[in-house]
Amino acid sequence: MNRFRNACLTPKEFVITAEVAPPKGGDPHHMIEMGRLLKNRVHAVNVTDGSRAVLGMSSLASCAILQHHGIEPILQVACRDRNRIGLQADLLGAHALGIRNILALTGDPVKAGDHPEAKAVFDFESVRLLQAIDKLNHGLDWNEKTLPQGGTDLFPGAAVDPQSPSWSGLKSRFNRKLKAGARFFQSQLITDFDRLYKFMNQIGSETDQPILAGIFLLKSAKNARFINKYVPGVNIPDPIIDRLEKAPHPLEEGVKIAAEQVQIARQICRGVHLMAVKREDLIPQILDAAGIPPLG
């Protein structure tokens, strides 16, 4: 399964990914069904790794299940819960399972989640995780010891937040991730497309690696206000909240808004990363409304 990598390496290809949350339990059927709905609409499906520090099925196991069903996954790997030994072990396991796409993340704070008394690890953060992946790909572990069976073939990516208030910090961290080996970038939720345009022109233009704008399905005005209150760095504009508030069918309006944002992003960057928490089934509808046909 190399559809995602091939798309990223094809300069004019519009790259599409979507996010699926693993179940909080041992039954993967709903996740598999959502993956099947997305299979011919996106190049790959991200599986979150303890997103918001909330317990869910192992991202590695979830990706293996999706891959078994013919759905190409992107394995999210967060540094919060494992030390360098565990992280490298999971990366070697991903390679052995045929999982190639990796999104390297630092991870959300433990206190934000459903186990606030858990002990965070953070032995690595995302840049050092990217460096570790690069070493593994070159046949070395973190301590520069040779892997007896040769290197891995992992395709690493990273997160980026074009709406970060610190422009110099954003540029510095983006460049560090590039230098560490990131081959693609998925952005946080984008609401300010002028800011995204500025980022692409002043920072993103320094690389040919694809940058995918994060597009989030807002289900209602209440949902938008909740995100504004509890998700750091996100400010959903009042006009969007007003649209949702006045709409007779807020969820349908949310689909329209997401489709409009996909169309805007298509003029600015190389792709989109779609997030529709608990309504992944609506992602094909968003893409249809945005004029994005199924993949060939």
C-alpha atoms as a PDB file:
ATOM      1  CA  MET A   1       0.000   0.000   0.000  1.00  0.00           C
ATOM      2  CA  ASN A   2       1.804   3.090  -1.251  1.00  0.00           C
ATOM      3  CA  ARG A   3      -1.029   5.213  -2.624  1.00  0.00           C
ATOM      4  CA  PHE A   4      -0.462   7.947  -0.050  1.00  0.00           C
ATOM      5  CA  ARG A   5       3.310   8.087  -0.524  1.00  0.00           C
ATOM      6  CA  ASN A   6       2.927   8.105  -4.304  1.00  0.00           C
ATOM      7  CA  ALA A   7       0.419  10.967  -4.082  1.00  0.00           C
ATOM      8  CA  CYS A   8       2.760  12.961  -1.831  1.00  0.00           C
ATOM      9  CA  LEU A   9       5.613  12.467  -4.276  1.00  0.00           C
ATOM     10  CA  THR A  10       3.518  13.511  -7.297  1.00  0.00           C
ATOM     11  CA  PRO A  11       3.847  17.337  -7.472  1.00  0.00           C
ATOM     12  CA  LYS A  12       0.399  18.187  -8.883  1.00  0.00           C
ATOM     13  CA  GLU A  13      -1.581  15.571  -6.955  1.00  0.00           C
ATOM     14  CA  PHE A  14      -4.143  16.955  -4.485  1.00  0.00           C
ATOM     15  CA  VAL A  15      -3.582  14.789  -1.421  1.00  0.00           C
ATOM     16  CA  ILE A  16      -6.558  13.896   0.791  1.00  0.00           C
ATOM     17  CA  THR A  17      -6.487  12.230   4.187  1.00  0.00           C
ATOM     18  CA  ALA A  18      -9.107  11.782   6.875  1.00  0.00           C
ATOM     19  CA  GLU A  19      -9.018  10.981  10.562  1.00  0.00           C
ATOM     20  CA  VAL A  20     -10.690   8.027  12.254  1.00  0.00           C
ATOM     21  CA  ALA A  21     -10.724   7.489  16.004  1.00  0.00           C
ATOM     22  CA  PRO A  22     -10.071   3.966  17.269  1.00  0.00           C
ATOM     23  CA  PRO A  23     -12.786   2.476  19.472  1.00  0.00           C
ATOM     24  CA  LYS A  24     -12.800   2.758  23.234  1.00  0.00           C
ATOM     25  CA  GLY A  25     -13.215  -0.972  23.513  1.00  0.00           C
ATOM     26  CA  GLY A  26     -12.261  -4.166  21.770  1.00  0.00           C
ATOM     27  CA  ASP A  27     -14.744  -4.118  18.884  1.00  0.00           C
ATOM     28  CA  PRO A  28     -13.305  -2.514  15.722  1.00  0.00           C
ATOM     29  CA  HIS A  29     -16.356  -2.955  13.465  1.00  0.00           C
ATOM     30  CA  HIS A  30     -17.469   0.694  13.415  1.00  0.00           C
ATOM     31  CA  MET A  31     -13.914   1.860  12.696  1.00  0.00           C
ATOM     32  CA  ILE A  32     -13.660  -0.657   9.848  1.00  0.00           C
ATOM     33  CA  GLU A  33     -16.983   0.511   8.391  1.00  0.00           C
ATOM     34  CA  MET A  34     -15.869   4.152   8.490  1.00  0.00           C
ATOM     35  CA  GLY A  35     -12.590   3.163   6.839  1.00  0.00           C
ATOM     36  CA  ARG A  36     -14.439   1.353   4.063  1.00  0.00           C
ATOM     37  CA  LEU A  37     -16.570   4.446   3.382  1.00  0.00           C
ATOM     38  CA  LEU A  38     -13.397   6.494   3.021  1.00  0.00           C
ATOM     39  CA  LYS A  39     -11.287   3.980   1.106  1.00  0.00           C
ATOM     40  CA  ASN A  40     -11.882   5.381  -2.389  1.00  0.00           C
ATOM     41  CA  ARG A  41     -12.234   9.006  -1.297  1.00  0.00           C
ATOM     42  CA  VAL A  42      -8.955   9.582   0.537  1.00  0.00           C
ATOM     43  CA  HIS A  43      -5.372   8.510  -0.055  1.00  0.00           C
ATOM     44  CA  ALA A  44      -4.986   7.280   3.520  1.00  0.00           C
ATOM     45  CA  VAL A  45      -6.799   7.191   6.868  1.00  0.00           C
ATOM     46  CA  ASN A  46      -5.152   8.556  10.030  1.00  0.00           C
ATOM     47  CA  VAL A  47      -5.718   6.599  13.222  1.00  0.00           C
ATOM     48  CA  THR A  48      -5.303   8.723  16.325  1.00  0.00           C
ATOM     49  CA  ASP A  49      -2.984   7.715  19.178  1.00  0.00           C
ATOM     50  CA  GLY A  50      -4.585   8.719  22.451  1.00  0.00           C
ATOM     51  CA  SER A  51      -5.837  11.994  21.014  1.00  0.00           C
ATOM     52  CA  ARG A  52      -6.752  14.531  23.733  1.00  0.00           C
ATOM     53  CA  ALA A  53      -5.193  12.004  26.174  1.00  0.00           C
ATOM     54  CA  VAL A  54      -8.361   9.910  25.978  1.00  0.00           C
ATOM     55  CA  LEU A  55      -8.112   6.120  26.101  1.00  0.00           C
ATOM     56  CA  GLY A  56      -8.721   4.235  22.867  1.00  0.00           C
ATOM     57  CA  MET A  57      -7.587   1.083  21.130  1.00  0.00           C
ATOM     58  CA  SER A  58      -3.908   0.993  20.215  1.00  0.00           C
ATOM     59  CA  SER A  59      -3.256   2.999  17.060  1.00  0.00           C
ATOM     60  CA  LEU A  60      -0.817   0.325  15.873  1.00  0.00           C
ATOM     61  CA  ALA A  61      -3.382  -2.453  16.299  1.00  0.00           C
ATOM     62  CA  SER A  62      -6.092  -0.301  14.693  1.00  0.00           C
ATOM     63  CA  CYS A  63      -3.894   0.439  11.674  1.00  0.00           C
ATOM     64  CA  ALA A  64      -3.095  -3.254  11.280  1.00  0.00           C
ATOM     65  CA  ILE A  65      -6.825  -4.046  11.301  1.00  0.00           C
ATOM     66  CA  LEU A  66      -7.609  -1.364   8.702  1.00  0.00           C
ATOM     67  CA  GLN A  67      -4.744  -2.513   6.502  1.00  0.00           C
ATOM     68  CA  HIS A  68      -6.047  -6.088   6.705  1.00  0.00           C
ATOM     69  CA  HIS A  69      -9.294  -4.752   5.222  1.00  0.00           C
ATOM     70  CA  GLY A  70      -7.500  -3.004   2.347  1.00  0.00           C
ATOM     71  CA  ILE A  71      -7.593   0.501   3.856  1.00  0.00           C
ATOM     72  CA  GLU A  72      -4.253   2.332   3.800  1.00  0.00           C
ATOM     73  CA  PRO A  73      -3.524   3.801   7.242  1.00  0.00           C
ATOM     74  CA  ILE A  74      -1.375   6.578   8.646  1.00  0.00           C
ATOM     75  CA  LEU A  75      -0.143   5.529  12.073  1.00  0.00           C
ATOM     76  CA  GLN A  76      -0.156   8.414  14.514  1.00  0.00           C
ATOM     77  CA  VAL A  77       2.599   7.962  17.096  1.00  0.00           C
ATOM     78  CA  ALA A  78       2.528  10.221  20.165  1.00  0.00           C
ATOM     79  CA  CYS A  79       5.484  10.516  22.523  1.00  0.00           C
ATOM     80  CA  ARG A  80       3.426  11.054  25.664  1.00  0.00           C
ATOM     81  CA  ASP A  81       2.903   7.426  26.694  1.00  0.00           C
ATOM     82  CA  ARG A  82       6.102   5.589  25.693  1.00  0.00           C
ATOM     83  CA  ASN A  83       9.817   5.988  26.165  1.00  0.00           C
ATOM     84  CA  ARG A  84      12.357   5.703  23.356  1.00  0.00           C
ATOM     85  CA  ILE A  85      12.485   1.923  23.669  1.00  0.00           C
ATOM     86  CA  GLY A  86       8.724   1.544  23.312  1.00  0.00           C
ATOM     87  CA  LEU A  87       8.502   4.062  20.477  1.00  0.00           C
ATOM     88  CA  GLN A  88      11.224   2.368  18.452  1.00  0.00           C
ATOM     89  CA  ALA A  89       9.696  -1.046  19.158  1.00  0.00           C
ATOM     90  CA  ASP A  90       6.326   0.119  17.792  1.00  0.00           C
ATOM     91  CA  LEU A  91       7.973   1.602  14.707  1.00  0.00           C
ATOM     92  CA  LEU A  92       9.771  -1.669  13.998  1.00  0.00           C
ATOM     93  CA  GLY A  93       6.478  -3.477  14.515  1.00  0.00           C
ATOM     94  CA  ALA A  94       4.709  -1.118  12.111  1.00  0.00           C
ATOM     95  CA  HIS A  95       7.306  -1.858   9.426  1.00  0.00           C
ATOM     96  CA  ALA A  96       6.934  -5.615  10.009  1.00  0.00           C
ATOM     97  CA  LEU A  97       3.146  -5.290   9.607  1.00  0.00           C
ATOM     98  CA  GLY A  98       3.534  -3.403   6.327  1.00  0.00           C
ATOM     99  CA  ILE A  99       2.420  -0.087   7.820  1.00  0.00           C
ATOM    100  CA  ARG A 100       4.564   2.601   6.230  1.00  0.00           C
ATOM    101  CA  ASN A 101       2.961   6.014   6.891  1.00  0.00           C
ATOM    102  CA  ILE A 102       3.778   7.577  10.269  1.00  0.00           C
ATOM    103  CA  LEU A 103       2.635  10.905  11.762  1.00  0.00           C
ATOM    104  CA  ALA A 104       5.075  11.872  14.507  1.00  0.00           C
ATOM    105  CA  LEU A 105       3.429  13.791  17.353  1.00  0.00           C
ATOM    106  CA  THR A 106       4.476  15.014  20.769  1.00  0.00           C
ATOM    107  CA  GLY A 107       1.035  14.255  22.263  1.00  0.00           C
ATOM    108  CA  ASP A 108      -1.597  16.125  24.236  1.00  0.00           C
ATOM    109  CA  PRO A 109      -1.147  16.795  27.979  1.00  0.00           C
ATOM    110  CA  VAL A 110      -2.380  13.991  30.235  1.00  0.00           C
ATOM    111  CA  LYS A 111      -4.470  16.352  32.349  1.00  0.00           C
ATOM    112  CA  ALA A 112      -6.639  17.139  29.304  1.00  0.00           C
ATOM    113  CA  GLY A 113      -7.905  13.553  29.090  1.00  0.00           C
ATOM    114  CA  ASP A 114      -9.891  10.880  30.888  1.00  0.00           C
ATOM    115  CA  HIS A 115      -6.981   9.588  33.005  1.00  0.00           C
ATOM    116  CA  PRO A 116      -5.605  12.832  34.488  1.00  0.00           C
ATOM    117  CA  GLU A 117      -3.618  10.981  37.156  1.00  0.00           C
ATOM    118  CA  ALA A 118      -1.653   8.980  34.571  1.00  0.00           C
ATOM    119  CA  LYS A 119       2.102   9.517  34.394  1.00  0.00           C
ATOM    120  CA  ALA A 120       3.282  11.209  31.194  1.00  0.00           C
ATOM    121  CA  VAL A 121       6.566  10.071  29.637  1.00  0.00           C
ATOM    122  CA  PHE A 122       7.639  12.565  26.928  1.00  0.00           C
ATOM    123  CA  ASP A 123      11.060  10.914  26.649  1.00  0.00           C
ATOM    124  CA  PHE A 124      10.995  12.212  23.057  1.00  0.00           C
ATOM    125  CA  GLU A 125       9.023  14.963  21.385  1.00  0.00           C
ATOM    126  CA  SER A 126       8.008  15.047  17.721  1.00  0.00           C
ATOM    127  CA  VAL A 127      11.333  16.289  16.284  1.00  0.00           C
ATOM    128  CA  ARG A 128      13.380  13.628  18.057  1.00  0.00           C
ATOM    129  CA  LEU A 129      10.802  11.018  17.036  1.00  0.00           C
ATOM    130  CA  LEU A 130      11.307  12.068  13.407  1.00  0.00           C
ATOM    131  CA  GLN A 131      15.049  11.775  13.924  1.00  0.00           C
ATOM    132  CA  ALA A 132      14.578   8.280  15.363  1.00  0.00           C
ATOM    133  CA  ILE A 133      12.516   7.254  12.313  1.00  0.00           C
ATOM    134  CA  ASP A 134      15.248   8.560  10.027  1.00  0.00           C
ATOM    135  CA  LYS A 135      17.829   6.511  11.913  1.00  0.00           C
ATOM    136  CA  LEU A 136      15.681   3.367  11.672  1.00  0.00           C
ATOM    137  CA  ASN A 137      15.273   3.936   7.940  1.00  0.00           C
ATOM    138  CA  HIS A 138      19.068   4.044   7.694  1.00  0.00           C
ATOM    139  CA  GLY A 139      19.422   0.791   9.630  1.00  0.00           C
ATOM    140  CA  LEU A 140      20.360   2.292  13.005  1.00  0.00           C
ATOM    141  CA  ASP A 141      18.673   2.507  16.383  1.00  0.00           C
ATOM    142  CA  TRP A 142      18.697   5.710  18.451  1.00  0.00           C
ATOM    143  CA  ASN A 143      22.067   4.772  19.926  1.00  0.00           C
ATOM    144  CA  GLU A 144      23.592   4.395  16.434  1.00  0.00           C
ATOM    145  CA  LYS A 145      23.710   0.604  16.748  1.00  0.00           C
ATOM    146  CA  THR A 146      23.135  -1.303  13.513  1.00  0.00           C
ATOM    147  CA  LEU A 147      19.830  -3.111  13.037  1.00  0.00           C
ATOM    148  CA  PRO A 148      20.835  -6.705  12.185  1.00  0.00           C
ATOM    149  CA  GLN A 149      18.142  -7.108   9.530  1.00  0.00           C
ATOM    150  CA  GLY A 150      18.598  -3.767   7.806  1.00  0.00           C
ATOM    151  CA  GLY A 151      16.668  -0.517   7.825  1.00  0.00           C
ATOM    152  CA  THR A 152      12.957   0.176   7.829  1.00  0.00           C
ATOM    153  CA  ASP A 153      10.958   1.813   5.040  1.00  0.00           C
ATOM    154  CA  LEU A 154       8.805   4.278   6.947  1.00  0.00           C
ATOM    155  CA  PHE A 155       7.303   7.450   5.422  1.00  0.00           C
ATOM    156  CA  PRO A 156       7.249  10.033   8.229  1.00  0.00           C
ATOM    157  CA  GLY A 157       5.201  13.176   8.544  1.00  0.00           C
ATOM    158  CA  ALA A 158       4.539  15.847  11.147  1.00  0.00           C
ATOM    159  CA  ALA A 159       1.911  18.263  12.367  1.00  0.00           C
ATOM    160  CA  VAL A 160       2.009  22.012  11.769  1.00  0.00           C
ATOM    161  CA  ASP A 161      -0.092  24.883  13.087  1.00  0.00           C
ATOM    162  CA  PRO A 162      -0.117  27.808  10.615  1.00  0.00           C
ATOM    163  CA  GLN A 163      -2.254  29.786  13.079  1.00  0.00           C
ATOM    164  CA  SER A 164       0.427  29.705  15.783  1.00  0.00           C
ATOM    165  CA  PRO A 165       0.732  33.152  17.418  1.00  0.00           C
ATOM    166  CA  SER A 166       4.542  32.963  17.306  1.00  0.00           C
ATOM    167  CA  TRP A 167       5.601  33.329  13.680  1.00  0.00           C
ATOM    168  CA  SER A 168       9.302  32.888  14.429  1.00  0.00           C
ATOM    169  CA  GLY A 169       8.595  29.853  16.597  1.00  0.00           C
ATOM    170  CA  LEU A 170       6.390  28.352  13.887  1.00  0.00           C
ATOM    171  CA  LYS A 171       9.092  28.813  11.249  1.00  0.00           C
ATOM    172  CA  SER A 172      11.809  27.423  13.484  1.00  0.00           C
ATOM    173  CA  ARG A 173       9.847  24.304  14.446  1.00  0.00           C
ATOM    174  CA  PHE A 174       8.678  23.696  10.865  1.00  0.00           C
ATOM    175  CA  ASN A 175      12.263  23.857   9.611  1.00  0.00           C
ATOM    176  CA  ARG A 176      13.459  21.566  12.404  1.00  0.00           C
ATOM    177  CA  LYS A 177      10.842  18.990  11.397  1.00  0.00           C
ATOM    178  CA  LEU A 178      11.883  19.280   7.761  1.00  0.00           C
ATOM    179  CA  LYS A 179      15.530  18.790   8.691  1.00  0.00           C
ATOM    180  CA  ALA A 180      14.580  15.796  10.859  1.00  0.00           C
ATOM    181  CA  GLY A 181      13.031  14.085   7.842  1.00  0.00           C
ATOM    182  CA  ALA A 182       9.324  14.965   7.651  1.00  0.00           C
ATOM    183  CA  ARG A 183       7.993  14.067   4.196  1.00  0.00           C
ATOM    184  CA  PHE A 184       4.497  15.512   4.640  1.00  0.00           C
ATOM    185  CA  PHE A 185       2.661  17.837   7.005  1.00  0.00           C
ATOM    186  CA  GLN A 186      -0.900  17.801   8.302  1.00  0.00           C
ATOM    187  CA  SER A 187      -2.120  21.018   9.860  1.00  0.00           C
ATOM    188  CA  GLN A 188      -4.238  21.649  12.891  1.00  0.00           C
ATOM    189  CA  LEU A 189      -7.817  22.856  12.338  1.00  0.00           C
ATOM    190  CA  ILE A 190      -7.711  25.874  10.002  1.00  0.00           C
ATOM    191  CA  THR A 191     -10.193  28.705  10.345  1.00  0.00           C
ATOM    192  CA  ASP A 192      -8.054  31.629   9.168  1.00  0.00           C
ATOM    193  CA  PHE A 193      -7.278  30.979   5.509  1.00  0.00           C
ATOM    194  CA  ASP A 194      -5.510  34.310   5.108  1.00  0.00           C
ATOM    195  CA  ARG A 195      -3.081  33.085   7.737  1.00  0.00           C
ATOM    196  CA  LEU A 196      -2.721  29.763   5.882  1.00  0.00           C
ATOM    197  CA  TYR A 197      -1.973  31.686   2.659  1.00  0.00           C
ATOM    198  CA  LYS A 198       0.678  33.757   4.446  1.00  0.00           C
ATOM    199  CA  PHE A 199       2.203  30.591   5.910  1.00  0.00           C
ATOM    200  CA  MET A 200       2.339  28.865   2.538  1.00  0.00           C
ATOM    201  CA  ASN A 201       3.955  31.872   0.887  1.00  0.00           C
ATOM    202  CA  GLN A 202       6.477  32.744   3.585  1.00  0.00           C
ATOM    203  CA  ILE A 203       7.302  29.379   5.194  1.00  0.00           C
ATOM    204  CA  GLY A 204       5.697  26.474   3.343  1.00  0.00           C
ATOM    205  CA  SER A 205       7.155  27.614   0.023  1.00  0.00           C
ATOM    206  CA  GLU A 206      10.588  26.565   1.275  1.00  0.00           C
ATOM    207  CA  THR A 207       9.771  22.901   0.689  1.00  0.00           C
ATOM    208  CA  ASP A 208       8.209  20.617  -1.914  1.00  0.00           C
ATOM    209  CA  GLN A 209       6.795  18.357   0.798  1.00  0.00           C
ATOM    210  CA  PRO A 210       2.974  18.459   0.748  1.00  0.00           C
ATOM    211  CA  ILE A 211       1.174  20.470   3.409  1.00  0.00           C
ATOM    212  CA  LEU A 212      -2.411  19.390   4.088  1.00  0.00           C
ATOM    213  CA  ALA A 213      -4.833  21.913   5.589  1.00  0.00           C
ATOM    214  CA  GLY A 214      -6.878  20.617   8.510  1.00  0.00           C
ATOM    215  CA  ILE A 215     -10.611  20.883   7.768  1.00  0.00           C
ATOM    216  CA  PHE A 216     -12.982  20.194  10.666  1.00  0.00           C
ATOM    217  CA  LEU A 217     -16.699  19.386  10.392  1.00  0.00           C
ATOM    218  CA  LEU A 218     -18.589  21.678  12.759  1.00  0.00           C
ATOM    219  CA  LYS A 219     -21.893  20.063  13.743  1.00  0.00           C
ATOM    220  CA  SER A 220     -23.583  23.054  15.392  1.00  0.00           C
ATOM    221  CA  ALA A 221     -22.989  26.488  16.892  1.00  0.00           C
ATOM    222  CA  LYS A 222     -22.688  24.784  20.293  1.00  0.00           C
ATOM    223  CA  ASN A 223     -19.979  22.506  18.899  1.00  0.00           C
ATOM    224  CA  ALA A 224     -18.097  25.524  17.488  1.00  0.00           C
ATOM    225  CA  ARG A 225     -18.263  27.407  20.803  1.00  0.00           C
ATOM    226  CA  PHE A 226     -17.047  24.315  22.668  1.00  0.00           C
ATOM    227  CA  ILE A 227     -14.023  24.099  20.376  1.00  0.00           C
ATOM    228  CA  ASN A 228     -13.276  27.802  20.826  1.00  0.00           C
ATOM    229  CA  LYS A 229     -13.371  27.338  24.592  1.00  0.00           C
ATOM    230  CA  TYR A 230     -11.436  24.108  24.981  1.00  0.00           C
ATOM    231  CA  VAL A 231      -9.116  23.698  21.972  1.00  0.00           C
ATOM    232  CA  PRO A 232      -5.999  25.868  22.349  1.00  0.00           C
ATOM    233  CA  GLY A 233      -5.060  28.062  19.403  1.00  0.00           C
ATOM    234  CA  VAL A 234      -8.407  27.724  17.612  1.00  0.00           C
ATOM    235  CA  ASN A 235     -10.726  30.660  17.016  1.00  0.00           C
ATOM    236  CA  ILE A 236     -13.759  29.820  14.911  1.00  0.00           C
ATOM    237  CA  PRO A 237     -14.990  33.185  13.557  1.00  0.00           C
ATOM    238  CA  ASP A 238     -18.348  34.618  14.627  1.00  0.00           C
ATOM    239  CA  PRO A 239     -19.755  34.629  11.054  1.00  0.00           C
ATOM    240  CA  ILE A 240     -19.370  30.819  10.887  1.00  0.00           C
ATOM    241  CA  ILE A 241     -20.972  30.394  14.306  1.00  0.00           C
ATOM    242  CA  ASP A 242     -23.828  32.685  13.197  1.00  0.00           C
ATOM    243  CA  ARG A 243     -24.357  30.582  10.049  1.00  0.00           C
ATOM    244  CA  LEU A 244     -24.628  27.453  12.152  1.00  0.00           C
ATOM    245  CA  GLU A 245     -26.908  29.192  14.666  1.00  0.00           C
ATOM    246  CA  LYS A 246     -29.349  30.406  12.005  1.00  0.00           C
ATOM    247  CA  ALA A 247     -29.352  27.269   9.853  1.00  0.00           C
ATOM    248  CA  PRO A 248     -32.529  25.135  10.013  1.00  0.00           C
ATOM    249  CA  HIS A 249     -30.278  22.066   9.778  1.00  0.00           C
ATOM    250  CA  PRO A 250     -26.942  22.918  11.432  1.00  0.00           C
ATOM    251  CA  LEU A 251     -25.217  19.665  10.505  1.00  0.00           C
ATOM    252  CA  GLU A 252     -26.023  20.189   6.815  1.00  0.00           C
ATOM    253  CA  GLU A 253     -24.700  23.737   7.116  1.00  0.00           C
ATOM    254  CA  GLY A 254     -21.549  22.346   8.714  1.00  0.00           C
ATOM    255  CA  VAL A 255     -21.054  20.067   5.701  1.00  0.00           C
ATOM    256  CA  LYS A 256     -21.427  23.088   3.380  1.00  0.00           C
ATOM    257  CA  ILE A 257     -18.924  25.115   5.401  1.00  0.00           C
ATOM    258  CA  ALA A 258     -16.384  22.267   5.358  1.00  0.00           C
ATOM    259  CA  ALA A 259     -16.840  21.850   1.586  1.00  0.00           C
ATOM    260  CA  GLU A 260     -16.266  25.578   1.051  1.00  0.00           C
ATOM    261  CA  GLN A 261     -13.102  25.358   3.129  1.00  0.00           C
ATOM    262  CA  VAL A 262     -11.837  22.409   1.067  1.00  0.00           C
ATOM    263  CA  GLN A 263     -12.336  24.513  -2.066  1.00  0.00           C
ATOM    264  CA  ILE A 264     -10.402  27.429  -0.541  1.00  0.00           C
ATOM    265  CA  ALA A 265      -7.587  25.171   0.653  1.00  0.00           C
ATOM    266  CA  ARG A 266      -7.310  23.645  -2.814  1.00  0.00           C
ATOM    267  CA  GLN A 267      -6.192  27.027  -4.119  1.00  0.00           C
ATOM    268  CA  ILE A 268      -3.575  27.467  -1.401  1.00  0.00           C
ATOM    269  CA  CYS A 269      -1.868  24.167  -0.575  1.00  0.00           C
ATOM    270  CA  ARG A 270      -1.286  20.602  -1.726  1.00  0.00           C
ATOM    271  CA  GLY A 271      -4.085  18.844   0.128  1.00  0.00           C
ATOM    272  CA  VAL A 272      -6.537  18.585   2.994  1.00  0.00           C
ATOM    273  CA  HIS A 273      -6.799  16.537   6.160  1.00  0.00           C
ATOM    274  CA  LEU A 274     -10.469  16.030   7.077  1.00  0.00           C
ATOM    275  CA  MET A 275     -11.676  15.636  10.648  1.00  0.00           C
ATOM    276  CA  ALA A 276     -15.301  14.748  11.353  1.00  0.00           C
ATOM    277  CA  VAL A 277     -15.368  13.395  14.886  1.00  0.00           C
ATOM    278  CA  LYS A 278     -17.984  10.613  15.199  1.00  0.00           C
ATOM    279  CA  ARG A 279     -19.374  11.548  11.753  1.00  0.00           C
ATOM    280  CA  GLU A 280     -16.679  10.215   9.452  1.00  0.00           C
ATOM    281  CA  ASP A 281     -19.524   8.927   7.274  1.00  0.00           C
ATOM    282  CA  LEU A 282     -20.149  12.535   6.144  1.00  0.00           C
ATOM    283  CA  ILE A 283     -16.662  13.009   4.695  1.00  0.00           C
ATOM    284  CA  PRO A 284     -17.650  11.655   1.235  1.00  0.00           C
ATOM    285  CA  GLN A 285     -20.549  14.141   1.250  1.00  0.00           C
ATOM    286  CA  ILE A 286     -18.135  16.989   2.069  1.00  0.00           C
ATOM    287  CA  LEU A 287     -15.861  15.962  -0.797  1.00  0.00           C
ATOM    288  CA  ASP A 288     -18.813  15.685  -3.205  1.00  0.00           C
ATOM    289  CA  ALA A 289     -20.000  19.170  -2.268  1.00  0.00           C
ATOM    290  CA  ALA A 290     -16.444  20.463  -2.787  1.00  0.00           C
ATOM    291  CA  GLY A 291     -16.312  18.942  -6.281  1.00  0.00           C
ATOM    292  CA  ILE A 292     -13.666  16.360  -5.365  1.00  0.00           C
ATOM    293  CA  PRO A 293     -14.376  13.108  -7.249  1.00  0.00           C
ATOM    294  CA  PRO A 294     -13.583   9.620  -5.933  1.00  0.00           C
ATOM    295  CA  LEU A 295     -10.008   8.512  -6.399  1.00  0.00           C
ATOM    296  CA  GLY A 296      -9.232   6.581  -9.546  1.00  0.00           C
END
